[in-house]
Amino acid sequence: MMATENKKHLMRCLGEFVGHIVHAVKRNKNTREVNKTVEETTEGNVTLRRTTIDEIEIKHEDANSD
Protein backbone atom coordinates (compact mmCIF):
# COMPACT_ATOMS: atom_id res chain seq x y z
CA MET A 1 0.00 0.00 0.00
CA MET A 2 1.36 3.40 -0.92
CA ALA A 3 1.50 6.26 1.60
CA THR A 4 0.04 8.73 -0.89
CA GLU A 5 -3.32 6.92 -0.96
CA ASN A 6 -4.12 7.87 2.67
CA LYS A 7 -2.71 11.39 2.47
CA LYS A 8 -5.06 14.06 3.86
CA HIS A 9 -5.70 17.21 1.87
CA LEU A 10 -4.32 20.51 3.13
CA MET A 11 -7.75 21.95 3.94
CA ARG A 12 -8.63 18.83 5.97
CA CYS A 13 -5.44 19.20 8.02
CA LEU A 14 -6.10 22.91 8.57
CA GLY A 15 -9.67 22.19 9.64
CA GLU A 16 -8.54 19.58 12.16
CA PHE A 17 -5.88 21.97 13.48
CA VAL A 18 -8.37 24.81 13.96
CA GLY A 19 -10.84 22.40 15.56
CA HIS A 20 -8.25 21.33 18.14
CA ILE A 21 -7.39 24.95 18.94
CA VAL A 22 -11.05 25.97 19.28
CA HIS A 23 -11.77 22.98 21.52
CA ALA A 24 -8.82 23.87 23.77
CA VAL A 25 -9.76 27.54 23.99
CA LYS A 26 -13.47 27.10 24.71
CA ARG A 27 -14.29 28.30 28.16
CA ASN A 28 -15.45 25.78 30.71
CA LYS A 29 -19.02 26.77 31.59
CA ASN A 30 -18.50 25.58 35.18
CA THR A 31 -15.77 28.20 35.81
CA ARG A 32 -16.60 31.76 36.83
CA GLU A 33 -14.28 34.70 37.31
CA VAL A 34 -15.07 36.37 40.63
CA ASN A 35 -12.27 38.90 40.98
CA LYS A 36 -9.55 40.45 38.82
CA THR A 37 -6.80 42.63 40.30
CA VAL A 38 -4.24 44.56 38.27
CA GLU A 39 -1.19 46.12 39.92
CA GLU A 40 0.96 48.39 37.76
CA THR A 41 4.26 50.14 38.52
CA THR A 42 6.10 52.40 36.08
CA GLU A 43 9.72 53.47 36.47
CA GLY A 44 11.14 55.34 33.50
CA ASN A 45 10.68 53.24 30.36
CA VAL A 46 9.80 50.06 32.28
CA THR A 47 6.28 49.07 33.30
CA LEU A 48 5.70 46.14 35.64
CA ARG A 49 2.14 44.81 35.52
CA ARG A 50 0.80 41.97 37.67
CA THR A 51 -2.67 40.54 37.01
CA THR A 52 -4.36 38.19 39.47
CA ILE A 53 -7.57 36.40 38.50
CA ASP A 54 -9.66 34.59 41.10
CA GLU A 55 -11.98 31.91 39.72
CA ILE A 56 -14.48 29.43 41.06
CA GLU A 57 -14.64 26.01 39.41
CA ILE A 58 -17.57 23.71 40.11
CA LYS A 59 -17.04 20.05 39.27
CA HIS A 60 -20.12 17.85 39.04
CA GLU A 61 -19.65 14.29 40.23
CA ASP A 62 -20.85 11.55 37.90
CA ALA A 63 -23.93 9.85 39.34
CA ASN A 64 -22.69 6.44 38.13
CA SER A 65 -19.26 6.63 39.77
CA ASP A 66 -18.54 4.96 43.12
C-alpha atoms as a PDB file:
ATOM      1  CA  MET A   1       0.000   0.000   0.000  1.00  0.00           C
ATOM      2  CA  MET A   2       1.363   3.396  -0.924  1.00  0.00           C
ATOM      3  CA  ALA A   3       1.497   6.258   1.601  1.00  0.00           C
ATOM      4  CA  THR A   4       0.041   8.734  -0.895  1.00  0.00           C
ATOM      5  CA  GLU A   5      -3.321   6.920  -0.965  1.00  0.00           C
ATOM      6  CA  ASN A   6      -4.117   7.870   2.667  1.00  0.00           C
ATOM      7  CA  LYS A   7      -2.709  11.392   2.467  1.00  0.00           C
ATOM      8  CA  LYS A   8      -5.064  14.062   3.855  1.00  0.00           C
ATOM      9  CA  HIS A   9      -5.700  17.209   1.870  1.00  0.00           C
ATOM     10  CA  LEU A  10      -4.316  20.506   3.134  1.00  0.00           C
ATOM     11  CA  MET A  11      -7.749  21.947   3.945  1.00  0.00           C
ATOM     12  CA  ARG A  12      -8.634  18.827   5.969  1.00  0.00           C
ATOM     13  CA  CYS A  13      -5.443  19.205   8.018  1.00  0.00           C
ATOM     14  CA  LEU A  14      -6.103  22.907   8.573  1.00  0.00           C
ATOM     15  CA  GLY A  15      -9.673  22.189   9.644  1.00  0.00           C
ATOM     16  CA  GLU A  16      -8.541  19.582  12.159  1.00  0.00           C
ATOM     17  CA  PHE A  17      -5.882  21.972  13.477  1.00  0.00           C
ATOM     18  CA  VAL A  18      -8.373  24.809  13.958  1.00  0.00           C
ATOM     19  CA  GLY A  19     -10.838  22.400  15.562  1.00  0.00           C
ATOM     20  CA  HIS A  20      -8.249  21.329  18.139  1.00  0.00           C
ATOM     21  CA  ILE A  21      -7.394  24.949  18.936  1.00  0.00           C
ATOM     22  CA  VAL A  22     -11.053  25.972  19.283  1.00  0.00           C
ATOM     23  CA  HIS A  23     -11.765  22.985  21.522  1.00  0.00           C
ATOM     24  CA  ALA A  24      -8.816  23.867  23.767  1.00  0.00           C
ATOM     25  CA  VAL A  25      -9.761  27.543  23.994  1.00  0.00           C
ATOM     26  CA  LYS A  26     -13.467  27.098  24.711  1.00  0.00           C
ATOM     27  CA  ARG A  27     -14.292  28.299  28.160  1.00  0.00           C
ATOM     28  CA  ASN A  28     -15.445  25.779  30.707  1.00  0.00           C
ATOM     29  CA  LYS A  29     -19.024  26.765  31.595  1.00  0.00           C
ATOM     30  CA  ASN A  30     -18.497  25.585  35.178  1.00  0.00           C
ATOM     31  CA  THR A  31     -15.772  28.203  35.811  1.00  0.00           C
ATOM     32  CA  ARG A  32     -16.602  31.756  36.833  1.00  0.00           C
ATOM     33  CA  GLU A  33     -14.279  34.698  37.311  1.00  0.00           C
ATOM     34  CA  VAL A  34     -15.072  36.366  40.634  1.00  0.00           C
ATOM     35  CA  ASN A  35     -12.266  38.899  40.983  1.00  0.00           C
ATOM     36  CA  LYS A  36      -9.550  40.450  38.822  1.00  0.00           C
ATOM     37  CA  THR A  37      -6.800  42.634  40.302  1.00  0.00           C
ATOM     38  CA  VAL A  38      -4.238  44.565  38.269  1.00  0.00           C
ATOM     39  CA  GLU A  39      -1.190  46.120  39.921  1.00  0.00           C
ATOM     40  CA  GLU A  40       0.964  48.389  37.760  1.00  0.00           C
ATOM     41  CA  THR A  41       4.256  50.140  38.524  1.00  0.00           C
ATOM     42  CA  THR A  42       6.100  52.400  36.082  1.00  0.00           C
ATOM     43  CA  GLU A  43       9.724  53.474  36.473  1.00  0.00           C
ATOM     44  CA  GLY A  44      11.144  55.341  33.504  1.00  0.00           C
ATOM     45  CA  ASN A  45      10.677  53.238  30.357  1.00  0.00           C
ATOM     46  CA  VAL A  46       9.800  50.063  32.282  1.00  0.00           C
ATOM     47  CA  THR A  47       6.280  49.072  33.297  1.00  0.00           C
ATOM     48  CA  LEU A  48       5.696  46.140  35.641  1.00  0.00           C
ATOM     49  CA  ARG A  49       2.140  44.815  35.521  1.00  0.00           C
ATOM     50  CA  ARG A  50       0.802  41.967  37.671  1.00  0.00           C
ATOM     51  CA  THR A  51      -2.671  40.544  37.011  1.00  0.00           C
ATOM     52  CA  THR A  52      -4.355  38.191  39.470  1.00  0.00           C
ATOM     53  CA  ILE A  53      -7.570  36.403  38.497  1.00  0.00           C
ATOM     54  CA  ASP A  54      -9.657  34.589  41.103  1.00  0.00           C
ATOM     55  CA  GLU A  55     -11.979  31.912  39.717  1.00  0.00           C
ATOM     56  CA  ILE A  56     -14.475  29.435  41.060  1.00  0.00           C
ATOM     57  CA  GLU A  57     -14.636  26.009  39.407  1.00  0.00           C
ATOM     58  CA  ILE A  58     -17.573  23.713  40.115  1.00  0.00           C
ATOM     59  CA  LYS A  59     -17.043  20.050  39.274  1.00  0.00           C
ATOM     60  CA  HIS A  60     -20.116  17.853  39.037  1.00  0.00           C
ATOM     61  CA  GLU A  61     -19.646  14.287  40.226  1.00  0.00           C
ATOM     62  CA  ASP A  62     -20.847  11.549  37.899  1.00  0.00           C
ATOM     63  CA  ALA A  63     -23.933   9.846  39.343  1.00  0.00           C
ATOM     64  CA  ASN A  64     -22.689   6.435  38.130  1.00  0.00           C
ATOM     65  CA  SER A  65     -19.257   6.632  39.767  1.00  0.00           C
ATOM     66  CA  ASP A  66     -18.537   4.957  43.116  1.00  0.00           C
END
